[in-house]
Amino acid sequence: MDSDSGSSYPYTICHEKICLHLKIVDINSLFLHEKTIPEMLEKLAAEIRMDEALRHPVIIDEESLVVLDGMHRVAALKILNCRRIPACLVNYKSPSISVGAWYRTITATNDYPVDKMLEEMSSLGFDIERVDLEPYDKIGKNDIVAAAKTRENIHLICHSFDNLKEAYDHIKLIENRLKQLNFKVNYETETDSFKKLKEGVVDAILLTPKLSKDE
């Protein structure tokens, strides 16, 4: 993973709306825009050390070299003293690139069933409101911090906030409280979250606000 031999030149794959440039880049030239999660980072570094391979390139903006997807992979390779990393360079300003959100999947324990989750959120000062429709477009607006979705119901989690940073600070408070009660909390993509909830792999999803490209 750390060979000094040879140079790497981009390999370009062009689709109708976007071009992807594959290249080996200097790991210290990349910029991380979010904090990493220690437990995820430790696990990933151990997996890469065991596999002796990185299975997917990180995605970075070709202009700013900001990591758009793969911050934990970058941080894990730094722990392993790697100097270069496979990357897919894209034009972040392209309208073909959209910004998603990392949802939190929640798995209950025998001591604390999933119903206890809402009680704990309420005890932290959040207002809980059951709704019939899935409020994806409302999350992050009008004091709606997040939404908790189980296989049966969906509830809005409400608290005042001035900006999305404060909203995510509230979400972190919820995460920490659930972890203290031994709920298992993981970060998943939107697609994987809904799939795992439908298949019964997890008990609930914490739907978080989506960020715009400017945010």
N, C-alpha and C. Protein backbone atom coordinates (compact mmCIF):
# COMPACT_ATOMS: atom_id res chain seq x y z
N MET A 1 0.81 -1.21 0.00
CA MET A 1 0.00 0.00 0.00
C MET A 1 0.85 1.26 0.00
N ASP A 2 2.18 1.10 0.16
CA ASP A 2 3.00 2.29 0.35
C ASP A 2 4.23 2.23 -0.55
N SER A 3 4.10 1.73 -1.74
CA SER A 3 5.23 1.59 -2.64
C SER A 3 5.63 2.93 -3.22
N ASP A 4 6.96 3.11 -3.45
CA ASP A 4 7.46 4.34 -4.03
C ASP A 4 7.63 4.24 -5.54
N SER A 5 7.35 3.08 -6.12
CA SER A 5 7.65 2.85 -7.52
C SER A 5 6.58 3.43 -8.43
N GLY A 6 7.05 4.11 -9.52
CA GLY A 6 6.15 4.53 -10.58
C GLY A 6 5.31 5.74 -10.24
N SER A 7 4.66 6.26 -11.28
CA SER A 7 3.75 7.38 -11.13
C SER A 7 2.36 6.94 -11.54
N SER A 8 1.36 7.67 -11.07
CA SER A 8 -0.01 7.32 -11.39
C SER A 8 -0.66 8.47 -12.15
N TYR A 9 -1.29 8.16 -13.28
CA TYR A 9 -1.97 9.16 -14.09
C TYR A 9 -3.46 8.86 -14.09
N PRO A 10 -4.29 9.90 -14.22
CA PRO A 10 -5.74 9.69 -14.13
C PRO A 10 -6.26 8.77 -15.23
N TYR A 11 -7.21 7.96 -14.84
CA TYR A 11 -7.97 7.15 -15.79
C TYR A 11 -9.39 7.71 -15.76
N THR A 12 -9.89 8.18 -16.88
CA THR A 12 -11.15 8.90 -16.91
C THR A 12 -12.28 8.04 -17.47
N ILE A 13 -13.40 8.05 -16.75
CA ILE A 13 -14.62 7.38 -17.20
C ILE A 13 -15.69 8.46 -17.37
N CYS A 14 -16.15 8.67 -18.57
CA CYS A 14 -17.14 9.71 -18.84
C CYS A 14 -18.51 9.10 -19.11
N HIS A 15 -19.48 9.61 -18.38
CA HIS A 15 -20.88 9.27 -18.62
C HIS A 15 -21.54 10.46 -19.30
N GLU A 16 -22.82 10.36 -19.53
CA GLU A 16 -23.53 11.43 -20.23
C GLU A 16 -23.48 12.74 -19.47
N LYS A 17 -23.54 12.67 -18.13
CA LYS A 17 -23.66 13.89 -17.34
C LYS A 17 -22.43 14.21 -16.49
N ILE A 18 -21.51 13.28 -16.35
CA ILE A 18 -20.38 13.52 -15.45
C ILE A 18 -19.19 12.67 -15.84
N CYS A 19 -18.00 13.18 -15.54
CA CYS A 19 -16.76 12.43 -15.77
C CYS A 19 -16.12 12.10 -14.43
N LEU A 20 -15.60 10.89 -14.31
CA LEU A 20 -14.92 10.43 -13.10
C LEU A 20 -13.45 10.24 -13.44
N HIS A 21 -12.57 10.83 -12.64
CA HIS A 21 -11.13 10.73 -12.87
C HIS A 21 -10.51 9.91 -11.74
N LEU A 22 -9.94 8.77 -12.07
CA LEU A 22 -9.33 7.89 -11.07
C LEU A 22 -7.83 8.14 -11.02
N LYS A 23 -7.32 8.29 -9.81
CA LYS A 23 -5.91 8.66 -9.66
C LYS A 23 -5.42 8.29 -8.26
N ILE A 24 -4.14 7.97 -8.15
CA ILE A 24 -3.50 7.81 -6.85
C ILE A 24 -2.99 9.18 -6.42
N VAL A 25 -3.40 9.64 -5.23
CA VAL A 25 -3.03 10.99 -4.80
C VAL A 25 -2.28 10.94 -3.47
N ASP A 26 -1.57 12.01 -3.19
CA ASP A 26 -0.88 12.18 -1.92
C ASP A 26 -1.92 12.36 -0.83
N ILE A 27 -1.89 11.50 0.17
CA ILE A 27 -2.93 11.52 1.20
C ILE A 27 -2.92 12.81 2.00
N ASN A 28 -1.75 13.44 2.13
CA ASN A 28 -1.67 14.68 2.90
C ASN A 28 -2.13 15.90 2.12
N SER A 29 -2.47 15.72 0.85
CA SER A 29 -2.98 16.83 0.05
C SER A 29 -4.49 16.98 0.18
N LEU A 30 -5.14 16.01 0.84
CA LEU A 30 -6.59 16.00 0.94
C LEU A 30 -7.07 16.76 2.18
N PHE A 31 -8.28 17.31 2.08
CA PHE A 31 -8.86 18.08 3.17
C PHE A 31 -10.13 17.38 3.67
N LEU A 32 -10.19 17.17 4.99
CA LEU A 32 -11.36 16.56 5.61
C LEU A 32 -12.25 17.67 6.16
N HIS A 33 -13.55 17.61 5.87
CA HIS A 33 -14.45 18.69 6.29
C HIS A 33 -15.36 18.30 7.45
N GLU A 34 -15.24 17.06 7.94
CA GLU A 34 -16.05 16.63 9.07
C GLU A 34 -15.18 15.82 10.03
N LYS A 35 -15.66 15.70 11.26
CA LYS A 35 -14.96 14.89 12.25
C LYS A 35 -15.20 13.41 11.98
N THR A 36 -14.23 12.59 12.34
CA THR A 36 -14.40 11.15 12.22
C THR A 36 -14.96 10.59 13.53
N ILE A 37 -15.53 9.40 13.44
CA ILE A 37 -16.10 8.73 14.61
C ILE A 37 -15.09 7.71 15.10
N PRO A 38 -14.56 7.87 16.31
CA PRO A 38 -13.44 7.03 16.77
C PRO A 38 -13.66 5.53 16.63
N GLU A 39 -14.85 5.04 17.04
CA GLU A 39 -15.07 3.60 16.99
C GLU A 39 -15.12 3.08 15.55
N MET A 40 -15.68 3.87 14.64
CA MET A 40 -15.71 3.49 13.23
C MET A 40 -14.31 3.51 12.64
N LEU A 41 -13.53 4.52 13.01
CA LEU A 41 -12.17 4.66 12.50
C LEU A 41 -11.29 3.50 12.94
N GLU A 42 -11.39 3.14 14.20
CA GLU A 42 -10.57 2.04 14.74
C GLU A 42 -10.91 0.72 14.04
N LYS A 43 -12.21 0.47 13.85
CA LYS A 43 -12.64 -0.77 13.20
C LYS A 43 -12.18 -0.82 11.75
N LEU A 44 -12.32 0.31 11.04
CA LEU A 44 -11.94 0.34 9.63
C LEU A 44 -10.43 0.17 9.46
N ALA A 45 -9.65 0.81 10.31
CA ALA A 45 -8.19 0.67 10.22
C ALA A 45 -7.78 -0.78 10.42
N ALA A 46 -8.43 -1.46 11.36
CA ALA A 46 -8.12 -2.87 11.61
C ALA A 46 -8.49 -3.74 10.40
N GLU A 47 -9.63 -3.43 9.76
CA GLU A 47 -10.06 -4.21 8.59
C GLU A 47 -9.09 -4.02 7.42
N ILE A 48 -8.66 -2.77 7.19
CA ILE A 48 -7.74 -2.51 6.09
C ILE A 48 -6.39 -3.16 6.36
N ARG A 49 -5.94 -3.12 7.62
CA ARG A 49 -4.67 -3.76 7.97
C ARG A 49 -4.75 -5.27 7.71
N MET A 50 -5.88 -5.88 8.03
CA MET A 50 -6.04 -7.32 7.83
C MET A 50 -6.15 -7.66 6.35
N ASP A 51 -6.93 -6.87 5.60
CA ASP A 51 -7.13 -7.15 4.17
C ASP A 51 -5.93 -6.77 3.32
N GLU A 52 -5.13 -5.82 3.82
CA GLU A 52 -4.01 -5.26 3.07
C GLU A 52 -4.48 -4.69 1.73
N ALA A 53 -5.67 -4.11 1.74
CA ALA A 53 -6.22 -3.53 0.52
C ALA A 53 -7.32 -2.54 0.87
N LEU A 54 -7.50 -1.54 -0.01
CA LEU A 54 -8.61 -0.61 0.09
C LEU A 54 -9.54 -0.92 -1.07
N ARG A 55 -10.78 -1.28 -0.78
CA ARG A 55 -11.67 -1.81 -1.81
C ARG A 55 -12.33 -0.73 -2.66
N HIS A 56 -12.47 0.49 -2.13
CA HIS A 56 -13.14 1.54 -2.88
C HIS A 56 -12.34 2.84 -2.78
N PRO A 57 -12.21 3.58 -3.88
CA PRO A 57 -11.51 4.87 -3.81
C PRO A 57 -12.34 5.89 -3.04
N VAL A 58 -11.67 6.86 -2.46
CA VAL A 58 -12.39 7.97 -1.84
C VAL A 58 -12.82 8.92 -2.96
N ILE A 59 -13.87 9.67 -2.71
CA ILE A 59 -14.36 10.63 -3.70
C ILE A 59 -13.99 12.03 -3.24
N ILE A 60 -13.32 12.78 -4.11
CA ILE A 60 -12.86 14.12 -3.74
C ILE A 60 -13.23 15.12 -4.83
N ASP A 61 -13.36 16.37 -4.41
CA ASP A 61 -13.60 17.45 -5.37
C ASP A 61 -12.29 17.74 -6.10
N GLU A 62 -12.33 17.73 -7.42
CA GLU A 62 -11.11 17.89 -8.21
C GLU A 62 -10.48 19.26 -8.06
N GLU A 63 -11.26 20.26 -7.66
CA GLU A 63 -10.72 21.61 -7.54
C GLU A 63 -10.13 21.88 -6.16
N SER A 64 -10.90 21.58 -5.11
CA SER A 64 -10.47 21.91 -3.75
C SER A 64 -9.75 20.77 -3.04
N LEU A 65 -9.90 19.53 -3.56
CA LEU A 65 -9.37 18.31 -2.93
C LEU A 65 -10.02 18.02 -1.58
N VAL A 66 -11.23 18.55 -1.38
CA VAL A 66 -12.01 18.21 -0.19
C VAL A 66 -12.59 16.81 -0.37
N VAL A 67 -12.50 16.00 0.67
CA VAL A 67 -13.02 14.64 0.62
C VAL A 67 -14.55 14.69 0.75
N LEU A 68 -15.24 14.23 -0.27
CA LEU A 68 -16.70 14.22 -0.27
C LEU A 68 -17.25 12.93 0.31
N ASP A 69 -16.54 11.85 0.11
CA ASP A 69 -16.96 10.55 0.64
C ASP A 69 -15.71 9.72 0.90
N GLY A 70 -15.55 9.27 2.15
CA GLY A 70 -14.40 8.43 2.47
C GLY A 70 -13.46 9.02 3.50
N MET A 71 -13.97 9.92 4.35
CA MET A 71 -13.10 10.55 5.35
C MET A 71 -12.49 9.52 6.30
N HIS A 72 -13.27 8.51 6.67
CA HIS A 72 -12.74 7.49 7.57
C HIS A 72 -11.67 6.64 6.89
N ARG A 73 -11.82 6.42 5.57
CA ARG A 73 -10.79 5.68 4.85
C ARG A 73 -9.48 6.47 4.81
N VAL A 74 -9.59 7.79 4.58
CA VAL A 74 -8.39 8.63 4.59
C VAL A 74 -7.73 8.59 5.96
N ALA A 75 -8.51 8.79 7.01
CA ALA A 75 -7.96 8.81 8.36
C ALA A 75 -7.37 7.45 8.74
N ALA A 76 -8.02 6.36 8.30
CA ALA A 76 -7.53 5.02 8.61
C ALA A 76 -6.18 4.77 7.94
N LEU A 77 -6.04 5.19 6.69
CA LEU A 77 -4.76 4.98 6.00
C LEU A 77 -3.66 5.84 6.62
N LYS A 78 -4.02 7.00 7.15
CA LYS A 78 -3.01 7.81 7.85
C LYS A 78 -2.53 7.09 9.10
N ILE A 79 -3.46 6.43 9.81
CA ILE A 79 -3.07 5.66 10.99
C ILE A 79 -2.10 4.55 10.60
N LEU A 80 -2.31 3.98 9.40
CA LEU A 80 -1.47 2.89 8.91
C LEU A 80 -0.21 3.39 8.20
N ASN A 81 0.03 4.72 8.30
CA ASN A 81 1.23 5.34 7.73
C ASN A 81 1.34 5.21 6.21
N CYS A 82 0.19 5.20 5.54
CA CYS A 82 0.19 5.19 4.08
C CYS A 82 0.33 6.63 3.58
N ARG A 83 1.07 6.79 2.50
CA ARG A 83 1.32 8.13 1.98
C ARG A 83 0.43 8.48 0.79
N ARG A 84 -0.15 7.47 0.13
CA ARG A 84 -1.00 7.72 -1.02
C ARG A 84 -2.29 6.91 -0.91
N ILE A 85 -3.29 7.35 -1.69
CA ILE A 85 -4.60 6.71 -1.60
C ILE A 85 -5.30 6.77 -2.96
N PRO A 86 -6.01 5.72 -3.36
CA PRO A 86 -6.79 5.76 -4.61
C PRO A 86 -7.96 6.74 -4.45
N ALA A 87 -8.15 7.59 -5.45
CA ALA A 87 -9.20 8.60 -5.37
C ALA A 87 -9.95 8.71 -6.68
N CYS A 88 -11.21 9.09 -6.55
CA CYS A 88 -12.05 9.41 -7.70
C CYS A 88 -12.34 10.90 -7.63
N LEU A 89 -11.82 11.65 -8.60
CA LEU A 89 -11.98 13.10 -8.61
C LEU A 89 -13.20 13.49 -9.43
N VAL A 90 -14.04 14.35 -8.85
CA VAL A 90 -15.26 14.78 -9.53
C VAL A 90 -15.40 16.29 -9.43
N ASN A 91 -16.25 16.84 -10.26
CA ASN A 91 -16.58 18.26 -10.20
C ASN A 91 -17.76 18.44 -9.26
N TYR A 92 -17.47 18.89 -8.04
CA TYR A 92 -18.50 19.01 -7.02
C TYR A 92 -19.61 19.99 -7.41
N LYS A 93 -19.27 20.95 -8.26
CA LYS A 93 -20.25 21.96 -8.67
C LYS A 93 -21.22 21.44 -9.73
N SER A 94 -20.95 20.27 -10.25
CA SER A 94 -21.81 19.71 -11.28
C SER A 94 -23.22 19.47 -10.73
N PRO A 95 -24.26 19.84 -11.48
CA PRO A 95 -25.64 19.58 -11.02
C PRO A 95 -25.96 18.10 -10.93
N SER A 96 -25.11 17.26 -11.50
CA SER A 96 -25.34 15.81 -11.44
C SER A 96 -24.95 15.22 -10.09
N ILE A 97 -24.25 16.01 -9.28
CA ILE A 97 -23.83 15.55 -7.96
C ILE A 97 -24.74 16.17 -6.91
N SER A 98 -25.39 15.32 -6.14
CA SER A 98 -26.28 15.79 -5.07
C SER A 98 -25.70 15.40 -3.72
N VAL A 99 -26.19 16.06 -2.68
CA VAL A 99 -25.71 15.82 -1.32
C VAL A 99 -26.76 15.02 -0.55
N GLY A 100 -26.35 13.93 0.04
CA GLY A 100 -27.26 13.11 0.84
C GLY A 100 -27.05 13.36 2.32
N ALA A 101 -27.49 12.43 3.14
CA ALA A 101 -27.33 12.55 4.59
C ALA A 101 -26.99 11.18 5.16
N TRP A 102 -26.23 11.20 6.25
CA TRP A 102 -25.95 9.97 6.99
C TRP A 102 -27.03 9.82 8.05
N TYR A 103 -27.86 8.80 7.91
CA TYR A 103 -28.86 8.51 8.93
C TYR A 103 -28.24 7.66 10.03
N ARG A 104 -28.89 7.64 11.19
CA ARG A 104 -28.43 6.81 12.30
C ARG A 104 -29.38 5.61 12.42
N THR A 105 -28.84 4.42 12.33
CA THR A 105 -29.65 3.23 12.59
C THR A 105 -29.52 2.87 14.06
N ILE A 106 -30.63 2.45 14.65
CA ILE A 106 -30.68 2.20 16.09
C ILE A 106 -31.19 0.79 16.34
N THR A 107 -30.45 0.05 17.15
CA THR A 107 -30.85 -1.30 17.53
C THR A 107 -31.05 -1.34 19.03
N ALA A 108 -32.22 -1.81 19.44
CA ALA A 108 -32.56 -1.83 20.86
C ALA A 108 -31.92 -3.04 21.56
N THR A 109 -32.05 -3.08 22.88
CA THR A 109 -31.56 -4.20 23.67
C THR A 109 -32.72 -4.77 24.48
N ASN A 110 -32.48 -5.89 25.12
CA ASN A 110 -33.54 -6.49 25.95
C ASN A 110 -33.92 -5.59 27.11
N ASP A 111 -32.93 -4.87 27.65
CA ASP A 111 -33.20 -4.00 28.80
C ASP A 111 -33.94 -2.73 28.39
N TYR A 112 -33.66 -2.26 27.17
CA TYR A 112 -34.27 -1.02 26.70
C TYR A 112 -34.87 -1.24 25.31
N PRO A 113 -36.16 -1.54 25.24
CA PRO A 113 -36.81 -1.73 23.94
C PRO A 113 -36.89 -0.42 23.17
N VAL A 114 -37.28 -0.50 21.90
CA VAL A 114 -37.26 0.68 21.04
C VAL A 114 -38.20 1.78 21.54
N ASP A 115 -39.29 1.41 22.23
CA ASP A 115 -40.20 2.43 22.77
C ASP A 115 -39.51 3.33 23.78
N LYS A 116 -38.51 2.78 24.47
CA LYS A 116 -37.77 3.56 25.46
C LYS A 116 -36.99 4.69 24.81
N MET A 117 -36.66 4.52 23.53
CA MET A 117 -35.89 5.53 22.80
C MET A 117 -36.60 6.88 22.81
N LEU A 118 -37.89 6.88 22.52
CA LEU A 118 -38.66 8.12 22.48
C LEU A 118 -38.79 8.73 23.88
N GLU A 119 -38.93 7.89 24.89
CA GLU A 119 -39.01 8.39 26.26
C GLU A 119 -37.73 9.12 26.64
N GLU A 120 -36.59 8.56 26.24
CA GLU A 120 -35.31 9.19 26.56
C GLU A 120 -35.15 10.52 25.84
N MET A 121 -35.59 10.58 24.59
CA MET A 121 -35.52 11.84 23.85
C MET A 121 -36.37 12.90 24.54
N SER A 122 -37.54 12.51 25.00
CA SER A 122 -38.43 13.43 25.70
C SER A 122 -37.79 13.91 27.00
N SER A 123 -37.11 13.01 27.71
CA SER A 123 -36.48 13.38 28.98
C SER A 123 -35.33 14.36 28.78
N LEU A 124 -34.78 14.39 27.56
CA LEU A 124 -33.70 15.33 27.24
C LEU A 124 -34.22 16.71 26.85
N GLY A 125 -35.55 16.85 26.82
CA GLY A 125 -36.13 18.16 26.52
C GLY A 125 -36.66 18.31 25.11
N PHE A 126 -36.72 17.21 24.36
CA PHE A 126 -37.24 17.27 23.00
C PHE A 126 -38.75 17.02 23.00
N ASP A 127 -39.46 17.73 22.14
CA ASP A 127 -40.88 17.48 21.94
C ASP A 127 -41.03 16.39 20.88
N ILE A 128 -41.86 15.41 21.18
CA ILE A 128 -42.05 14.27 20.28
C ILE A 128 -43.47 14.32 19.72
N GLU A 129 -43.58 14.26 18.40
CA GLU A 129 -44.90 14.35 17.76
C GLU A 129 -45.04 13.25 16.71
N ARG A 130 -46.04 12.41 16.88
CA ARG A 130 -46.28 11.36 15.89
C ARG A 130 -46.96 11.95 14.66
N VAL A 131 -46.51 11.52 13.48
CA VAL A 131 -47.10 12.00 12.22
C VAL A 131 -47.43 10.80 11.34
N ASP A 132 -48.33 11.03 10.39
CA ASP A 132 -48.75 9.96 9.49
C ASP A 132 -47.93 9.92 8.21
N LEU A 133 -47.46 11.09 7.75
CA LEU A 133 -46.70 11.16 6.51
C LEU A 133 -45.21 11.25 6.82
N GLU A 134 -44.39 10.74 5.91
CA GLU A 134 -42.95 10.81 6.10
C GLU A 134 -42.46 12.22 5.77
N PRO A 135 -41.92 12.93 6.76
CA PRO A 135 -41.66 14.37 6.62
C PRO A 135 -40.24 14.71 6.18
N TYR A 136 -39.75 14.06 5.12
CA TYR A 136 -38.36 14.25 4.75
C TYR A 136 -38.02 15.71 4.46
N ASP A 137 -38.94 16.43 3.84
CA ASP A 137 -38.65 17.81 3.46
C ASP A 137 -38.76 18.78 4.63
N LYS A 138 -39.26 18.32 5.78
CA LYS A 138 -39.42 19.20 6.94
C LYS A 138 -38.25 19.13 7.91
N ILE A 139 -37.46 18.08 7.82
CA ILE A 139 -36.37 17.88 8.78
C ILE A 139 -35.31 18.95 8.60
N GLY A 140 -34.92 19.58 9.69
CA GLY A 140 -33.96 20.67 9.63
C GLY A 140 -34.60 22.03 9.46
N LYS A 141 -35.95 22.08 9.53
CA LYS A 141 -36.68 23.33 9.39
C LYS A 141 -37.72 23.44 10.50
N ASN A 142 -38.06 24.68 10.85
CA ASN A 142 -39.17 24.94 11.78
C ASN A 142 -39.05 24.12 13.07
N ASP A 143 -37.85 24.10 13.64
CA ASP A 143 -37.58 23.43 14.92
C ASP A 143 -37.69 21.91 14.86
N ILE A 144 -37.73 21.33 13.67
CA ILE A 144 -37.74 19.86 13.55
C ILE A 144 -36.29 19.41 13.40
N VAL A 145 -35.73 18.90 14.49
CA VAL A 145 -34.33 18.51 14.53
C VAL A 145 -34.09 17.24 13.71
N ALA A 146 -34.99 16.28 13.86
CA ALA A 146 -34.83 14.98 13.21
C ALA A 146 -36.19 14.27 13.23
N ALA A 147 -36.19 13.04 12.74
CA ALA A 147 -37.39 12.21 12.83
C ALA A 147 -36.95 10.79 13.16
N ALA A 148 -37.73 10.13 13.99
CA ALA A 148 -37.45 8.74 14.37
C ALA A 148 -38.46 7.83 13.69
N LYS A 149 -37.96 6.91 12.89
CA LYS A 149 -38.84 6.02 12.13
C LYS A 149 -38.61 4.58 12.57
N THR A 150 -39.69 3.91 12.96
CA THR A 150 -39.66 2.48 13.21
C THR A 150 -40.45 1.80 12.09
N ARG A 151 -40.61 0.49 12.17
CA ARG A 151 -41.38 -0.18 11.12
C ARG A 151 -42.87 0.14 11.21
N GLU A 152 -43.31 0.63 12.38
CA GLU A 152 -44.74 0.92 12.57
C GLU A 152 -45.07 2.40 12.52
N ASN A 153 -44.19 3.26 13.05
CA ASN A 153 -44.55 4.66 13.22
C ASN A 153 -43.39 5.58 12.84
N ILE A 154 -43.73 6.87 12.75
CA ILE A 154 -42.70 7.89 12.57
C ILE A 154 -43.04 9.08 13.45
N HIS A 155 -42.03 9.60 14.14
CA HIS A 155 -42.22 10.71 15.08
C HIS A 155 -41.25 11.84 14.75
N LEU A 156 -41.73 13.07 14.83
CA LEU A 156 -40.87 14.23 14.71
C LEU A 156 -40.20 14.49 16.05
N ILE A 157 -38.94 14.88 16.00
CA ILE A 157 -38.18 15.23 17.21
C ILE A 157 -37.90 16.72 17.13
N CYS A 158 -38.50 17.48 18.01
CA CYS A 158 -38.49 18.94 17.87
C CYS A 158 -37.76 19.63 19.02
N HIS A 159 -37.05 20.68 18.67
CA HIS A 159 -36.35 21.53 19.63
C HIS A 159 -35.91 22.78 18.87
N SER A 160 -35.86 23.90 19.54
CA SER A 160 -35.44 25.13 18.86
C SER A 160 -33.97 25.05 18.47
N PHE A 161 -33.63 25.59 17.30
CA PHE A 161 -32.24 25.71 16.86
C PHE A 161 -32.15 26.85 15.86
N ASP A 162 -30.98 27.49 15.82
CA ASP A 162 -30.78 28.64 14.94
C ASP A 162 -30.17 28.27 13.60
N ASN A 163 -29.45 27.14 13.55
CA ASN A 163 -28.81 26.72 12.31
C ASN A 163 -28.63 25.20 12.35
N LEU A 164 -28.18 24.64 11.23
CA LEU A 164 -28.06 23.18 11.16
C LEU A 164 -26.96 22.64 12.06
N LYS A 165 -25.95 23.44 12.35
CA LYS A 165 -24.93 22.98 13.29
C LYS A 165 -25.56 22.72 14.65
N GLU A 166 -26.43 23.63 15.09
CA GLU A 166 -27.11 23.42 16.37
C GLU A 166 -28.03 22.20 16.30
N ALA A 167 -28.68 22.01 15.15
CA ALA A 167 -29.54 20.83 15.00
C ALA A 167 -28.72 19.55 15.15
N TYR A 168 -27.54 19.53 14.53
CA TYR A 168 -26.70 18.33 14.64
C TYR A 168 -26.09 18.19 16.04
N ASP A 169 -25.91 19.29 16.75
CA ASP A 169 -25.49 19.20 18.15
C ASP A 169 -26.57 18.50 18.98
N HIS A 170 -27.83 18.82 18.70
CA HIS A 170 -28.94 18.15 19.38
C HIS A 170 -28.95 16.65 19.05
N ILE A 171 -28.70 16.34 17.79
CA ILE A 171 -28.69 14.93 17.37
C ILE A 171 -27.56 14.18 18.08
N LYS A 172 -26.42 14.83 18.24
CA LYS A 172 -25.29 14.20 18.94
C LYS A 172 -25.65 13.92 20.39
N LEU A 173 -26.40 14.83 21.01
CA LEU A 173 -26.86 14.63 22.38
C LEU A 173 -27.74 13.38 22.47
N ILE A 174 -28.63 13.21 21.50
CA ILE A 174 -29.49 12.03 21.47
C ILE A 174 -28.65 10.77 21.28
N GLU A 175 -27.72 10.81 20.34
CA GLU A 175 -26.84 9.65 20.10
C GLU A 175 -26.13 9.22 21.38
N ASN A 176 -25.53 10.18 22.05
CA ASN A 176 -24.75 9.87 23.25
C ASN A 176 -25.63 9.25 24.34
N ARG A 177 -26.85 9.78 24.48
CA ARG A 177 -27.75 9.25 25.50
C ARG A 177 -28.15 7.81 25.17
N LEU A 178 -28.46 7.54 23.92
CA LEU A 178 -28.84 6.18 23.53
C LEU A 178 -27.69 5.20 23.71
N LYS A 179 -26.47 5.65 23.41
CA LYS A 179 -25.31 4.78 23.60
C LYS A 179 -25.09 4.48 25.08
N GLN A 180 -25.36 5.47 25.94
CA GLN A 180 -25.23 5.24 27.38
C GLN A 180 -26.17 4.14 27.85
N LEU A 181 -27.31 4.00 27.17
CA LEU A 181 -28.29 2.98 27.53
C LEU A 181 -28.08 1.68 26.75
N ASN A 182 -26.93 1.60 26.06
CA ASN A 182 -26.54 0.40 25.31
C ASN A 182 -27.36 0.15 24.05
N PHE A 183 -28.05 1.19 23.56
CA PHE A 183 -28.58 1.08 22.21
C PHE A 183 -27.39 1.07 21.24
N LYS A 184 -27.50 0.31 20.18
CA LYS A 184 -26.45 0.30 19.17
C LYS A 184 -26.79 1.35 18.12
N VAL A 185 -25.90 2.32 17.93
CA VAL A 185 -26.12 3.42 16.99
C VAL A 185 -25.03 3.39 15.93
N ASN A 186 -25.45 3.28 14.67
CA ASN A 186 -24.51 3.26 13.55
C ASN A 186 -24.88 4.32 12.53
N TYR A 187 -23.90 4.72 11.73
CA TYR A 187 -24.13 5.66 10.64
C TYR A 187 -24.31 4.86 9.35
N GLU A 188 -25.38 5.15 8.62
CA GLU A 188 -25.66 4.43 7.38
C GLU A 188 -26.16 5.42 6.32
N THR A 189 -26.00 5.06 5.06
CA THR A 189 -26.59 5.87 3.99
C THR A 189 -28.11 5.75 4.06
N GLU A 190 -28.79 6.66 3.38
CA GLU A 190 -30.25 6.62 3.37
C GLU A 190 -30.75 5.28 2.85
N THR A 191 -30.18 4.82 1.74
CA THR A 191 -30.63 3.57 1.12
C THR A 191 -30.42 2.39 2.05
N ASP A 192 -29.22 2.28 2.63
CA ASP A 192 -28.92 1.16 3.52
C ASP A 192 -29.77 1.20 4.79
N SER A 193 -30.04 2.41 5.29
CA SER A 193 -30.86 2.54 6.50
C SER A 193 -32.25 1.96 6.30
N PHE A 194 -32.90 2.37 5.22
CA PHE A 194 -34.26 1.90 4.97
C PHE A 194 -34.29 0.40 4.68
N LYS A 195 -33.26 -0.08 4.00
CA LYS A 195 -33.19 -1.51 3.70
C LYS A 195 -33.07 -2.33 4.98
N LYS A 196 -32.20 -1.89 5.89
CA LYS A 196 -32.00 -2.63 7.13
C LYS A 196 -33.23 -2.56 8.03
N LEU A 197 -33.93 -1.42 8.01
CA LEU A 197 -35.16 -1.33 8.80
C LEU A 197 -36.22 -2.26 8.24
N LYS A 198 -36.37 -2.29 6.94
CA LYS A 198 -37.37 -3.14 6.30
C LYS A 198 -37.09 -4.62 6.56
N GLU A 199 -35.80 -4.99 6.56
CA GLU A 199 -35.42 -6.39 6.74
C GLU A 199 -35.36 -6.79 8.21
N GLY A 200 -35.56 -5.84 9.12
CA GLY A 200 -35.54 -6.15 10.54
C GLY A 200 -34.16 -6.24 11.14
N VAL A 201 -33.16 -5.76 10.42
CA VAL A 201 -31.78 -5.78 10.93
C VAL A 201 -31.61 -4.75 12.04
N VAL A 202 -32.32 -3.61 11.92
CA VAL A 202 -32.29 -2.56 12.95
C VAL A 202 -33.73 -2.29 13.37
N ASP A 203 -33.88 -1.59 14.50
CA ASP A 203 -35.22 -1.33 15.05
C ASP A 203 -35.77 0.04 14.70
N ALA A 204 -34.88 0.98 14.39
CA ALA A 204 -35.33 2.34 14.10
C ALA A 204 -34.27 3.08 13.30
N ILE A 205 -34.71 4.18 12.69
CA ILE A 205 -33.80 5.07 11.98
C ILE A 205 -33.99 6.48 12.54
N LEU A 206 -32.90 7.16 12.77
CA LEU A 206 -32.95 8.58 13.11
C LEU A 206 -32.64 9.35 11.83
N LEU A 207 -33.67 9.98 11.26
CA LEU A 207 -33.53 10.72 10.01
C LEU A 207 -32.99 12.11 10.32
N THR A 208 -31.89 12.47 9.71
CA THR A 208 -31.20 13.72 10.00
C THR A 208 -31.38 14.73 8.87
N PRO A 209 -31.12 16.01 9.13
CA PRO A 209 -31.28 17.03 8.08
C PRO A 209 -30.29 16.83 6.94
N LYS A 210 -30.74 17.13 5.74
CA LYS A 210 -29.85 17.12 4.59
C LYS A 210 -29.18 18.48 4.45
N LEU A 211 -27.92 18.46 4.06
CA LEU A 211 -27.18 19.69 3.86
C LEU A 211 -27.16 20.05 2.38
N SER A 212 -27.15 21.33 2.10
CA SER A 212 -26.97 21.77 0.72
C SER A 212 -25.48 21.81 0.42
N LYS A 213 -25.11 21.97 -0.84
CA LYS A 213 -23.69 22.03 -1.19
C LYS A 213 -23.00 23.22 -0.53
N ASP A 214 -23.72 24.31 -0.35
CA ASP A 214 -23.12 25.50 0.26
C ASP A 214 -22.88 25.32 1.75
N GLU A 215 -23.59 24.36 2.37
CA GLU A 215 -23.46 24.15 3.81
C GLU A 215 -22.41 23.12 4.13
